[in-house]
PDB file of N, CA and C in Angstrom:
ATOM      1  N   MET A   1       8.506  -8.774   5.928  1.00  0.00           N
ATOM      2  CA  MET A   1       8.213  -7.379   5.724  1.00  0.00           C
ATOM      3  C   MET A   1       9.513  -6.581   5.826  1.00  0.00           C
ATOM      4  N   VAL A   2       9.661  -5.602   4.958  1.00  0.00           N
ATOM      5  CA  VAL A   2      10.874  -4.805   4.884  1.00  0.00           C
ATOM      6  C   VAL A   2      10.618  -3.448   5.538  1.00  0.00           C
ATOM      7  N   ASP A   3      11.532  -3.019   6.411  1.00  0.00           N
ATOM      8  CA  ASP A   3      11.353  -1.708   7.034  1.00  0.00           C
ATOM      9  C   ASP A   3      11.736  -0.600   6.053  1.00  0.00           C
ATOM     10  N   ASN A   4      11.325   0.624   6.380  1.00  0.00           N
ATOM     11  CA  ASN A   4      11.527   1.755   5.478  1.00  0.00           C
ATOM     12  C   ASN A   4      12.998   2.031   5.185  1.00  0.00           C
ATOM     13  N   GLU A   5      13.858   1.888   6.185  1.00  0.00           N
ATOM     14  CA  GLU A   5      15.285   2.137   5.979  1.00  0.00           C
ATOM     15  C   GLU A   5      15.862   1.178   4.939  1.00  0.00           C
ATOM     16  N   LYS A   6      15.458  -0.097   5.033  1.00  0.00           N
ATOM     17  CA  LYS A   6      15.971  -1.081   4.080  1.00  0.00           C
ATOM     18  C   LYS A   6      15.429  -0.797   2.678  1.00  0.00           C
ATOM     19  N   ARG A   7      14.173  -0.363   2.589  1.00  0.00           N
ATOM     20  CA  ARG A   7      13.602  -0.012   1.284  1.00  0.00           C
ATOM     21  C   ARG A   7      14.411   1.108   0.627  1.00  0.00           C
ATOM     22  N   VAL A   8      14.687   2.140   1.389  1.00  0.00           N
ATOM     23  CA  VAL A   8      15.447   3.271   0.856  1.00  0.00           C
ATOM     24  C   VAL A   8      16.835   2.819   0.431  1.00  0.00           C
ATOM     25  N   LYS A   9      17.475   1.977   1.232  1.00  0.00           N
ATOM     26  CA  LYS A   9      18.805   1.464   0.898  1.00  0.00           C
ATOM     27  C   LYS A   9      18.767   0.651  -0.397  1.00  0.00           C
ATOM     28  N   ILE A  10      17.730  -0.181  -0.560  1.00  0.00           N
ATOM     29  CA  ILE A  10      17.590  -0.974  -1.787  1.00  0.00           C
ATOM     30  C   ILE A  10      17.468  -0.049  -2.992  1.00  0.00           C
ATOM     31  N   VAL A  11      16.633   0.976  -2.880  1.00  0.00           N
ATOM     32  CA  VAL A  11      16.444   1.907  -3.993  1.00  0.00           C
ATOM     33  C   VAL A  11      17.750   2.627  -4.319  1.00  0.00           C
ATOM     34  N   GLU A  12      18.468   3.071  -3.299  1.00  0.00           N
ATOM     35  CA  GLU A  12      19.740   3.759  -3.535  1.00  0.00           C
ATOM     36  C   GLU A  12      20.736   2.851  -4.244  1.00  0.00           C
ATOM     37  N   MET A  13      20.785   1.581  -3.822  1.00  0.00           N
ATOM     38  CA  MET A  13      21.720   0.645  -4.450  1.00  0.00           C
ATOM     39  C   MET A  13      21.303   0.342  -5.893  1.00  0.00           C
ATOM     40  N   LEU A  14      19.987   0.232  -6.140  1.00  0.00           N
ATOM     41  CA  LEU A  14      19.518   0.016  -7.506  1.00  0.00           C
ATOM     42  C   LEU A  14      19.876   1.206  -8.390  1.00  0.00           C
ATOM     43  N   GLU A  15      19.695   2.408  -7.866  1.00  0.00           N
ATOM     44  CA  GLU A  15      20.008   3.614  -8.631  1.00  0.00           C
ATOM     45  C   GLU A  15      21.504   3.737  -8.928  1.00  0.00           C
ATOM     46  N   SER A  16      22.327   3.165  -8.048  1.00  0.00           N
ATOM     47  CA  SER A  16      23.774   3.217  -8.280  1.00  0.00           C
ATOM     48  C   SER A  16      24.246   2.118  -9.233  1.00  0.00           C
ATOM     49  N   GLY A  17      23.309   1.254  -9.685  1.00  0.00           N
ATOM     50  CA  GLY A  17      23.650   0.250 -10.684  1.00  0.00           C
ATOM     51  C   GLY A  17      23.952  -1.139 -10.151  1.00  0.00           C
ATOM     52  N   GLU A  18      23.760  -1.364  -8.856  1.00  0.00           N
ATOM     53  CA  GLU A  18      24.002  -2.701  -8.285  1.00  0.00           C
ATOM     54  C   GLU A  18      22.959  -3.689  -8.802  1.00  0.00           C
ATOM     55  N   SER A  19      23.330  -4.942  -8.921  1.00  0.00           N
ATOM     56  CA  SER A  19      22.395  -5.970  -9.370  1.00  0.00           C
ATOM     57  C   SER A  19      21.500  -6.393  -8.206  1.00  0.00           C
ATOM     58  N   PRO A  20      20.260  -6.810  -8.501  1.00  0.00           N
ATOM     59  CA  PRO A  20      19.362  -7.276  -7.436  1.00  0.00           C
ATOM     60  C   PRO A  20      19.937  -8.430  -6.622  1.00  0.00           C
ATOM     61  N   THR A  21      20.682  -9.314  -7.266  1.00  0.00           N
ATOM     62  CA  THR A  21      21.287 -10.441  -6.554  1.00  0.00           C
ATOM     63  C   THR A  21      22.310  -9.947  -5.535  1.00  0.00           C
ATOM     64  N   LYS A  22      23.163  -9.018  -5.944  1.00  0.00           N
ATOM     65  CA  LYS A  22      24.174  -8.477  -5.040  1.00  0.00           C
ATOM     66  C   LYS A  22      23.524  -7.705  -3.883  1.00  0.00           C
ATOM     67  N   ILE A  23      22.478  -6.933  -4.191  1.00  0.00           N
ATOM     68  CA  ILE A  23      21.768  -6.174  -3.156  1.00  0.00           C
ATOM     69  C   ILE A  23      21.160  -7.126  -2.134  1.00  0.00           C
ATOM     70  N   ALA A  24      20.504  -8.170  -2.623  1.00  0.00           N
ATOM     71  CA  ALA A  24      19.881  -9.147  -1.729  1.00  0.00           C
ATOM     72  C   ALA A  24      20.918  -9.802  -0.825  1.00  0.00           C
ATOM     73  N   ARG A  25      22.053 -10.131  -1.380  1.00  0.00           N
ATOM     74  CA  ARG A  25      23.111 -10.766  -0.602  1.00  0.00           C
ATOM     75  C   ARG A  25      23.656  -9.814   0.467  1.00  0.00           C
ATOM     76  N   GLU A  26      23.922  -8.569   0.082  1.00  0.00           N
ATOM     77  CA  GLU A  26      24.500  -7.601   1.026  1.00  0.00           C
ATOM     78  C   GLU A  26      23.528  -7.228   2.146  1.00  0.00           C
ATOM     79  N   LEU A  27      22.240  -7.102   1.814  1.00  0.00           N
ATOM     80  CA  LEU A  27      21.255  -6.672   2.812  1.00  0.00           C
ATOM     81  C   LEU A  27      20.564  -7.847   3.503  1.00  0.00           C
ATOM     82  N   LYS A  28      20.994  -9.060   3.140  1.00  0.00           N
ATOM     83  CA  LYS A  28      20.435 -10.280   3.750  1.00  0.00           C
ATOM     84  C   LYS A  28      18.911 -10.334   3.621  1.00  0.00           C
ATOM     85  N   THR A  29      18.475 -10.202   2.376  1.00  0.00           N
ATOM     86  CA  THR A  29      17.051 -10.302   2.059  1.00  0.00           C
ATOM     87  C   THR A  29      16.923 -11.112   0.773  1.00  0.00           C
ATOM     88  N   SER A  30      15.711 -11.388   0.343  1.00  0.00           N
ATOM     89  CA  SER A  30      15.523 -12.190  -0.867  1.00  0.00           C
ATOM     90  C   SER A  30      15.538 -11.306  -2.115  1.00  0.00           C
ATOM     91  N   ARG A  31      15.814 -11.934  -3.247  1.00  0.00           N
ATOM     92  CA  ARG A  31      15.775 -11.196  -4.514  1.00  0.00           C
ATOM     93  C   ARG A  31      14.351 -10.748  -4.812  1.00  0.00           C
ATOM     94  N   ASN A  32      13.372 -11.574  -4.421  1.00  0.00           N
ATOM     95  CA  ASN A  32      11.971 -11.183  -4.630  1.00  0.00           C
ATOM     96  C   ASN A  32      11.662  -9.873  -3.920  1.00  0.00           C
ATOM     97  N   THR A  33      12.205  -9.700  -2.716  1.00  0.00           N
ATOM     98  CA  THR A  33      12.005  -8.450  -1.984  1.00  0.00           C
ATOM     99  C   THR A  33      12.615  -7.286  -2.746  1.00  0.00           C
ATOM    100  N   VAL A  34      13.808  -7.486  -3.273  1.00  0.00           N
ATOM    101  CA  VAL A  34      14.471  -6.426  -4.042  1.00  0.00           C
ATOM    102  C   VAL A  34      13.627  -6.058  -5.266  1.00  0.00           C
ATOM    103  N   TYR A  35      13.136  -7.063  -5.978  1.00  0.00           N
ATOM    104  CA  TYR A  35      12.313  -6.787  -7.155  1.00  0.00           C
ATOM    105  C   TYR A  35      10.992  -6.111  -6.769  1.00  0.00           C
ATOM    106  N   ARG A  36      10.411  -6.506  -5.641  1.00  0.00           N
ATOM    107  CA  ARG A  36       9.164  -5.878  -5.179  1.00  0.00           C
ATOM    108  C   ARG A  36       9.397  -4.408  -4.838  1.00  0.00           C
ATOM    109  N   VAL A  37      10.488  -4.118  -4.149  1.00  0.00           N
ATOM    110  CA  VAL A  37      10.819  -2.731  -3.799  1.00  0.00           C
ATOM    111  C   VAL A  37      11.128  -1.937  -5.067  1.00  0.00           C
ATOM    112  N   LYS A  38      11.785  -2.571  -6.030  1.00  0.00           N
ATOM    113  CA  LYS A  38      12.074  -1.910  -7.307  1.00  0.00           C
ATOM    114  C   LYS A  38      10.772  -1.510  -7.997  1.00  0.00           C
ATOM    115  N   LYS A  39       9.796  -2.410  -7.978  1.00  0.00           N
ATOM    116  CA  LYS A  39       8.495  -2.108  -8.587  1.00  0.00           C
ATOM    117  C   LYS A  39       7.795  -0.977  -7.823  1.00  0.00           C
ATOM    118  N   GLU A  40       7.852  -1.020  -6.492  1.00  0.00           N
ATOM    119  CA  GLU A  40       7.246   0.042  -5.687  1.00  0.00           C
ATOM    120  C   GLU A  40       7.894   1.388  -6.000  1.00  0.00           C
ATOM    121  N   ALA A  41       9.201   1.396  -6.171  1.00  0.00           N
ATOM    122  CA  ALA A  41       9.906   2.640  -6.489  1.00  0.00           C
ATOM    123  C   ALA A  41       9.494   3.143  -7.870  1.00  0.00           C
ATOM    124  N   LYS A  42       9.352   2.218  -8.797  1.00  0.00           N
ATOM    125  CA  LYS A  42       8.934   2.586 -10.150  1.00  0.00           C
ATOM    126  C   LYS A  42       7.533   3.188 -10.128  1.00  0.00           C
ATOM    127  N   ASP A  43       6.652   2.653  -9.277  1.00  0.00           N
ATOM    128  CA  ASP A  43       5.282   3.156  -9.174  1.00  0.00           C
ATOM    129  C   ASP A  43       5.195   4.438  -8.352  1.00  0.00           C
ATOM    130  N   GLY A  44       6.316   4.867  -7.753  1.00  0.00           N
ATOM    131  CA  GLY A  44       6.345   6.130  -7.026  1.00  0.00           C
ATOM    132  C   GLY A  44       6.036   6.034  -5.550  1.00  0.00           C
ATOM    133  N   HIS A  45       6.058   4.842  -4.962  1.00  0.00           N
ATOM    134  CA  HIS A  45       5.711   4.675  -3.552  1.00  0.00           C
ATOM    135  C   HIS A  45       6.895   4.878  -2.608  1.00  0.00           C
ATOM    136  N   ILE A  46       8.107   4.865  -3.107  1.00  0.00           N
ATOM    137  CA  ILE A  46       9.285   4.923  -2.245  1.00  0.00           C
ATOM    138  C   ILE A  46       9.773   6.354  -2.041  1.00  0.00           C
ATOM    139  N   LYS A  47       9.517   7.252  -2.978  1.00  0.00           N
ATOM    140  CA  LYS A  47      10.088   8.594  -2.886  1.00  0.00           C
ATOM    141  C   LYS A  47       9.667   9.315  -1.607  1.00  0.00           C
ATOM    142  N   ASP A  48       8.456   9.050  -1.096  1.00  0.00           N
ATOM    143  CA  ASP A  48       7.999   9.684   0.135  1.00  0.00           C
ATOM    144  C   ASP A  48       8.810   9.218   1.336  1.00  0.00           C
ATOM    145  N   LEU A  49       9.312   7.985   1.309  1.00  0.00           N
ATOM    146  CA  LEU A  49      10.071   7.454   2.433  1.00  0.00           C
ATOM    147  C   LEU A  49      11.415   8.154   2.576  1.00  0.00           C
ATOM    148  N   LYS A  50      12.011   8.552   1.463  1.00  0.00           N
ATOM    149  CA  LYS A  50      13.299   9.232   1.518  1.00  0.00           C
ATOM    150  C   LYS A  50      13.191  10.566   2.247  1.00  0.00           C
ATOM    151  N   LYS A  51      12.046  11.214   2.137  1.00  0.00           N
ATOM    152  CA  LYS A  51      11.850  12.516   2.766  1.00  0.00           C
ATOM    153  C   LYS A  51      11.315  12.396   4.192  1.00  0.00           C
ATOM    154  N   ASN A  52      11.009  11.163   4.618  1.00  0.00           N
ATOM    155  CA  ASN A  52      10.413  10.905   5.934  1.00  0.00           C
ATOM    156  C   ASN A  52       9.112  11.671   6.128  1.00  0.00           C
ATOM    157  N   GLU A  53       8.354  11.830   5.050  1.00  0.00           N
ATOM    158  CA  GLU A  53       7.051  12.467   5.119  1.00  0.00           C
ATOM    159  C   GLU A  53       5.988  11.376   5.074  1.00  0.00           C
ATOM    160  N   PRO A  54       4.891  11.579   5.768  1.00  0.00           N
ATOM    161  CA  PRO A  54       3.829  10.581   5.690  1.00  0.00           C
ATOM    162  C   PRO A  54       3.238  10.538   4.283  1.00  0.00           C
ATOM    163  N   LYS A  55       2.934   9.347   3.846  1.00  0.00           N
ATOM    164  CA  LYS A  55       2.390   9.179   2.514  1.00  0.00           C
ATOM    165  C   LYS A  55       0.887   9.418   2.564  1.00  0.00           C
ATOM    166  N   THR A  56       0.405  10.427   1.845  1.00  0.00           N
ATOM    167  CA  THR A  56      -1.021  10.719   1.813  1.00  0.00           C
ATOM    168  C   THR A  56      -1.574  10.627   0.403  1.00  0.00           C
ATOM    169  N   VAL A  57      -0.709  10.405  -0.574  1.00  0.00           N
ATOM    170  CA  VAL A  57      -1.159  10.297  -1.948  1.00  0.00           C
ATOM    171  C   VAL A  57      -2.043   9.068  -2.081  1.00  0.00           C
ATOM    172  N   GLY A  58      -3.179   9.227  -2.708  1.00  0.00           N
ATOM    173  CA  GLY A  58      -4.060   8.098  -2.927  1.00  0.00           C
ATOM    174  C   GLY A  58      -5.078   7.876  -1.830  1.00  0.00           C
ATOM    175  N   ILE A  59      -5.073   8.700  -0.784  1.00  0.00           N
ATOM    176  CA  ILE A  59      -6.077   8.558   0.263  1.00  0.00           C
ATOM    177  C   ILE A  59      -7.329   9.301  -0.175  1.00  0.00           C
ATOM    178  N   GLU A  60      -8.438   8.602  -0.156  1.00  0.00           N
ATOM    179  CA  GLU A  60      -9.704   9.168  -0.602  1.00  0.00           C
ATOM    180  C   GLU A  60     -10.772   8.934   0.450  1.00  0.00           C
ATOM    181  N   GLU A  61     -11.870   9.650   0.294  1.00  0.00           N
ATOM    182  CA  GLU A  61     -13.005   9.454   1.185  1.00  0.00           C
ATOM    183  C   GLU A  61     -14.032   8.595   0.471  1.00  0.00           C
ATOM    184  N   ALA A  62     -14.570   7.617   1.177  1.00  0.00           N
ATOM    185  CA  ALA A  62     -15.562   6.712   0.612  1.00  0.00           C
ATOM    186  C   ALA A  62     -16.757   6.645   1.556  1.00  0.00           C
ATOM    187  N   GLU A  63     -17.877   6.247   1.006  1.00  0.00           N
ATOM    188  CA  GLU A  63     -19.092   6.076   1.800  1.00  0.00           C
ATOM    189  C   GLU A  63     -19.400   4.587   1.901  1.00  0.00           C
ATOM    190  N   VAL A  64     -19.598   4.097   3.119  1.00  0.00           N
ATOM    191  CA  VAL A  64     -19.907   2.686   3.327  1.00  0.00           C
ATOM    192  C   VAL A  64     -21.316   2.419   2.807  1.00  0.00           C
ATOM    193  N   ILE A  65     -21.436   1.437   1.938  1.00  0.00           N
ATOM    194  CA  ILE A  65     -22.730   1.086   1.346  1.00  0.00           C
ATOM    195  C   ILE A  65     -23.319  -0.148   2.015  1.00  0.00           C
ATOM    196  N   LYS A  66     -22.474  -1.156   2.243  1.00  0.00           N
ATOM    197  CA  LYS A  66     -22.998  -2.432   2.730  1.00  0.00           C
ATOM    198  C   LYS A  66     -21.920  -3.198   3.480  1.00  0.00           C
ATOM    199  N   LEU A  67     -22.292  -3.839   4.568  1.00  0.00           N
ATOM    200  CA  LEU A  67     -21.413  -4.789   5.251  1.00  0.00           C
ATOM    201  C   LEU A  67     -21.673  -6.141   4.606  1.00  0.00           C
ATOM    202  N   VAL A  68     -20.614  -6.824   4.191  1.00  0.00           N
ATOM    203  CA  VAL A  68     -20.755  -8.103   3.499  1.00  0.00           C
ATOM    204  C   VAL A  68     -20.441  -9.249   4.459  1.00  0.00           C
ATOM    205  N   PRO A  69     -20.820 -10.489   4.118  1.00  0.00           N
ATOM    206  CA  PRO A  69     -20.571 -11.621   5.019  1.00  0.00           C
ATOM    207  C   PRO A  69     -19.094 -11.809   5.394  1.00  0.00           C
ATOM    208  N   ASN A  70     -18.192 -11.462   4.499  1.00  0.00           N
ATOM    209  CA  ASN A  70     -16.771 -11.571   4.817  1.00  0.00           C
ATOM    210  C   ASN A  70     -16.423 -10.448   5.804  1.00  0.00           C
ATOM    211  N   GLU A  71     -16.028 -10.808   7.020  1.00  0.00           N
ATOM    212  CA  GLU A  71     -15.786  -9.804   8.064  1.00  0.00           C
ATOM    213  C   GLU A  71     -14.599  -8.896   7.789  1.00  0.00           C
ATOM    214  N   ARG A  72     -13.792  -9.210   6.773  1.00  0.00           N
ATOM    215  CA  ARG A  72     -12.635  -8.382   6.436  1.00  0.00           C
ATOM    216  C   ARG A  72     -12.939  -7.349   5.354  1.00  0.00           C
ATOM    217  N   LEU A  73     -14.150  -7.378   4.786  1.00  0.00           N
ATOM    218  CA  LEU A  73     -14.476  -6.483   3.683  1.00  0.00           C
ATOM    219  C   LEU A  73     -15.748  -5.697   3.944  1.00  0.00           C
ATOM    220  N   VAL A  74     -15.838  -4.515   3.330  1.00  0.00           N
ATOM    221  CA  VAL A  74     -17.084  -3.762   3.242  1.00  0.00           C
ATOM    222  C   VAL A  74     -17.194  -3.265   1.808  1.00  0.00           C
ATOM    223  N   LEU A  75     -18.410  -3.002   1.384  1.00  0.00           N
ATOM    224  CA  LEU A  75     -18.649  -2.419   0.067  1.00  0.00           C
ATOM    225  C   LEU A  75     -18.808  -0.922   0.268  1.00  0.00           C
ATOM    226  N   ALA A  76     -18.094  -0.136  -0.526  1.00  0.00           N
ATOM    227  CA  ALA A  76     -18.142   1.317  -0.377  1.00  0.00           C
ATOM    228  C   ALA A  76     -18.267   1.965  -1.750  1.00  0.00           C
ATOM    229  N   ARG A  77     -18.575   3.258  -1.721  1.00  0.00           N
ATOM    230  CA  ARG A  77     -18.698   4.006  -2.966  1.00  0.00           C
ATOM    231  C   ARG A  77     -17.753   5.205  -2.919  1.00  0.00           C
ATOM    232  N   ILE A  78     -16.994   5.359  -3.990  1.00  0.00           N
ATOM    233  CA  ILE A  78     -16.149   6.533  -4.166  1.00  0.00           C
ATOM    234  C   ILE A  78     -16.667   7.214  -5.425  1.00  0.00           C
ATOM    235  N   GLY A  79     -17.322   8.351  -5.257  1.00  0.00           N
ATOM    236  CA  GLY A  79     -17.968   8.996  -6.405  1.00  0.00           C
ATOM    237  C   GLY A  79     -19.084   8.100  -6.893  1.00  0.00           C
ATOM    238  N   GLU A  80     -19.003   7.671  -8.133  1.00  0.00           N
ATOM    239  CA  GLU A  80     -20.008   6.768  -8.700  1.00  0.00           C
ATOM    240  C   GLU A  80     -19.530   5.318  -8.773  1.00  0.00           C
ATOM    241  N   ARG A  81     -18.278   5.061  -8.323  1.00  0.00           N
ATOM    242  CA  ARG A  81     -17.718   3.711  -8.386  1.00  0.00           C
ATOM    243  C   ARG A  81     -17.964   2.959  -7.097  1.00  0.00           C
ATOM    244  N   PHE A  82     -18.268   1.683  -7.220  1.00  0.00           N
ATOM    245  CA  PHE A  82     -18.389   0.800  -6.064  1.00  0.00           C
ATOM    246  C   PHE A  82     -17.093   0.025  -5.930  1.00  0.00           C
ATOM    247  N   VAL A  83     -16.550  -0.026  -4.711  1.00  0.00           N
ATOM    248  CA  VAL A  83     -15.269  -0.684  -4.467  1.00  0.00           C
ATOM    249  C   VAL A  83     -15.358  -1.541  -3.218  1.00  0.00           C
ATOM    250  N   ARG A  84     -14.437  -2.502  -3.131  1.00  0.00           N
ATOM    251  CA  ARG A  84     -14.305  -3.308  -1.923  1.00  0.00           C
ATOM    252  C   ARG A  84     -13.249  -2.665  -1.049  1.00  0.00           C
ATOM    253  N   VAL A  85     -13.478  -2.671   0.269  1.00  0.00           N
ATOM    254  CA  VAL A  85     -12.530  -2.080   1.210  1.00  0.00           C
ATOM    255  C   VAL A  85     -12.138  -3.140   2.232  1.00  0.00           C
ATOM    256  N   VAL A  86     -10.828  -3.383   2.363  1.00  0.00           N
ATOM    257  CA  VAL A  86     -10.299  -4.323   3.351  1.00  0.00           C
ATOM    258  C   VAL A  86     -10.217  -3.600   4.686  1.00  0.00           C
ATOM    259  N   LYS A  87     -10.646  -4.268   5.753  1.00  0.00           N
ATOM    260  CA  LYS A  87     -10.629  -3.664   7.091  1.00  0.00           C
ATOM    261  C   LYS A  87     -10.242  -4.702   8.118  1.00  0.00           C
ATOM    262  N   GLN A  88      -9.986  -4.259   9.330  1.00  0.00           N
ATOM    263  CA  GLN A  88      -9.739  -5.166  10.447  1.00  0.00           C
ATOM    264  C   GLN A  88     -11.066  -5.802  10.858  1.00  0.00           C
ATOM    265  N   PRO A  89     -11.080  -7.083  11.231  1.00  0.00           N
ATOM    266  CA  PRO A  89     -12.336  -7.740  11.594  1.00  0.00           C
ATOM    267  C   PRO A  89     -13.094  -7.040  12.730  1.00  0.00           C
ATOM    268  N   LYS A  90     -12.382  -6.432  13.658  1.00  0.00           N
ATOM    269  CA  LYS A  90     -13.048  -5.797  14.800  1.00  0.00           C
ATOM    270  C   LYS A  90     -13.676  -4.449  14.450  1.00  0.00           C
ATOM    271  N   VAL A  91     -13.250  -3.847  13.341  1.00  0.00           N
ATOM    272  CA  VAL A  91     -13.778  -2.548  12.927  1.00  0.00           C
ATOM    273  C   VAL A  91     -15.098  -2.770  12.201  1.00  0.00           C
ATOM    274  N   ARG A  92     -16.158  -2.096  12.663  1.00  0.00           N
ATOM    275  CA  ARG A  92     -17.473  -2.225  12.032  1.00  0.00           C
ATOM    276  C   ARG A  92     -18.031  -0.836  11.730  1.00  0.00           C
ATOM    277  N   PRO A  93     -17.678  -0.273  10.575  1.00  0.00           N
ATOM    278  CA  PRO A  93     -18.211   1.049  10.243  1.00  0.00           C
ATOM    279  C   PRO A  93     -19.708   0.981   9.977  1.00  0.00           C
ATOM    280  N   ARG A  94     -20.386   2.070  10.262  1.00  0.00           N
ATOM    281  CA  ARG A  94     -21.825   2.128  10.034  1.00  0.00           C
ATOM    282  C   ARG A  94     -22.119   2.373   8.557  1.00  0.00           C
ATOM    283  N   ILE A  95     -23.244   1.877   8.103  1.00  0.00           N
ATOM    284  CA  ILE A  95     -23.682   2.110   6.737  1.00  0.00           C
ATOM    285  C   ILE A  95     -23.914   3.606   6.564  1.00  0.00           C
ATOM    286  N   ARG A  96     -23.505   4.131   5.417  1.00  0.00           N
ATOM    287  CA  ARG A  96     -23.570   5.546   5.035  1.00  0.00           C
ATOM    288  C   ARG A  96     -22.563   6.427   5.764  1.00  0.00           C
ATOM    289  N   SER A  97     -21.681   5.829   6.559  1.00  0.00           N
ATOM    290  CA  SER A  97     -20.645   6.634   7.208  1.00  0.00           C
ATOM    291  C   SER A  97     -19.516   6.883   6.211  1.00  0.00           C
ATOM    292  N   LYS A  98     -18.760   7.940   6.441  1.00  0.00           N
ATOM    293  CA  LYS A  98     -17.621   8.288   5.596  1.00  0.00           C
ATOM    294  C   LYS A  98     -16.366   7.659   6.192  1.00  0.00           C
ATOM    295  N   ILE A  99     -15.557   7.032   5.334  1.00  0.00           N
ATOM    296  CA  ILE A  99     -14.304   6.422   5.769  1.00  0.00           C
ATOM    297  C   ILE A  99     -13.190   6.886   4.844  1.00  0.00           C
ATOM    298  N   ARG A 100     -11.963   6.842   5.342  1.00  0.00           N
ATOM    299  CA  ARG A 100     -10.793   7.184   4.516  1.00  0.00           C
ATOM    300  C   ARG A 100     -10.151   5.888   4.053  1.00  0.00           C
ATOM    301  N   VAL A 101      -9.877   5.808   2.754  1.00  0.00           N
ATOM    302  CA  VAL A 101      -9.333   4.588   2.168  1.00  0.00           C
ATOM    303  C   VAL A 101      -8.156   4.913   1.265  1.00  0.00           C
ATOM    304  N   MET A 102      -7.295   3.902   1.048  1.00  0.00           N
ATOM    305  CA  MET A 102      -6.162   4.027   0.144  1.00  0.00           C
ATOM    306  C   MET A 102      -6.241   2.895  -0.881  1.00  0.00           C
ATOM    307  N   GLU A 103      -5.979   3.217  -2.138  1.00  0.00           N
ATOM    308  CA  GLU A 103      -6.112   2.262  -3.231  1.00  0.00           C
ATOM    309  C   GLU A 103      -5.032   1.189  -3.177  1.00  0.00           C
ATOM    310  N   ILE A 104      -5.445  -0.058  -3.363  1.00  0.00           N
ATOM    311  CA  ILE A 104      -4.523  -1.187  -3.497  1.00  0.00           C
ATOM    312  C   ILE A 104      -4.505  -1.614  -4.964  1.00  0.00           C
ATOM    313  N   THR A 105      -5.686  -1.903  -5.519  1.00  0.00           N
ATOM    314  CA  THR A 105      -5.842  -2.188  -6.950  1.00  0.00           C
ATOM    315  C   THR A 105      -7.019  -1.368  -7.444  1.00  0.00           C
ATOM    316  N   ASP A 106      -7.450  -1.612  -8.678  1.00  0.00           N
ATOM    317  CA  ASP A 106      -8.515  -0.807  -9.273  1.00  0.00           C
ATOM    318  C   ASP A 106      -9.794  -0.768  -8.445  1.00  0.00           C
ATOM    319  N   ASP A 107     -10.227  -1.913  -7.933  1.00  0.00           N
ATOM    320  CA  ASP A 107     -11.482  -1.927  -7.177  1.00  0.00           C
ATOM    321  C   ASP A 107     -11.299  -2.411  -5.739  1.00  0.00           C
ATOM    322  N   LEU A 108     -10.061  -2.450  -5.263  1.00  0.00           N
ATOM    323  CA  LEU A 108      -9.787  -2.892  -3.892  1.00  0.00           C
ATOM    324  C   LEU A 108      -9.027  -1.796  -3.154  1.00  0.00           C
ATOM    325  N   TYR A 109      -9.548  -1.402  -2.006  1.00  0.00           N
ATOM    326  CA  TYR A 109      -8.958  -0.349  -1.188  1.00  0.00           C
ATOM    327  C   TYR A 109      -8.743  -0.892   0.211  1.00  0.00           C
ATOM    328  N   ARG A 110      -7.965  -0.169   1.019  1.00  0.00           N
ATOM    329  CA  ARG A 110      -7.830  -0.563   2.413  1.00  0.00           C
ATOM    330  C   ARG A 110      -8.194   0.626   3.282  1.00  0.00           C
ATOM    331  N   LEU A 111      -8.732   0.333   4.446  1.00  0.00           N
ATOM    332  CA  LEU A 111      -9.140   1.352   5.394  1.00  0.00           C
ATOM    333  C   LEU A 111      -7.912   2.011   5.999  1.00  0.00           C
ATOM    334  N   VAL A 112      -7.914   3.332   6.056  1.00  0.00           N
ATOM    335  CA  VAL A 112      -6.778   4.067   6.612  1.00  0.00           C
ATOM    336  C   VAL A 112      -7.120   4.536   8.001  1.00  0.00           C
TER     337      VAL A 112
END
């Protein structure tokens, strides 16, 4: 896992024209990490870290519909869409309760 300072440094070095291989070597991380951070920056996830502001973009309210056999997931509804929500195994939200979630993929969210 890469800390926020290293992410910002990777983005700054990429913006200055450094190659991913050179960045990985200088920061003692893998090239895959550099490419992953590059993709995150392209998707707009890194700009909030530069300002040291909490990231709230993409946080939505969902309603718990069903607890499923997999203890890490719940089924929830956002508007008219049904989505899967990843949660901690010890967290057991009640059915019809409101939860805050952040999008991971089109139909997969995580509990905030």
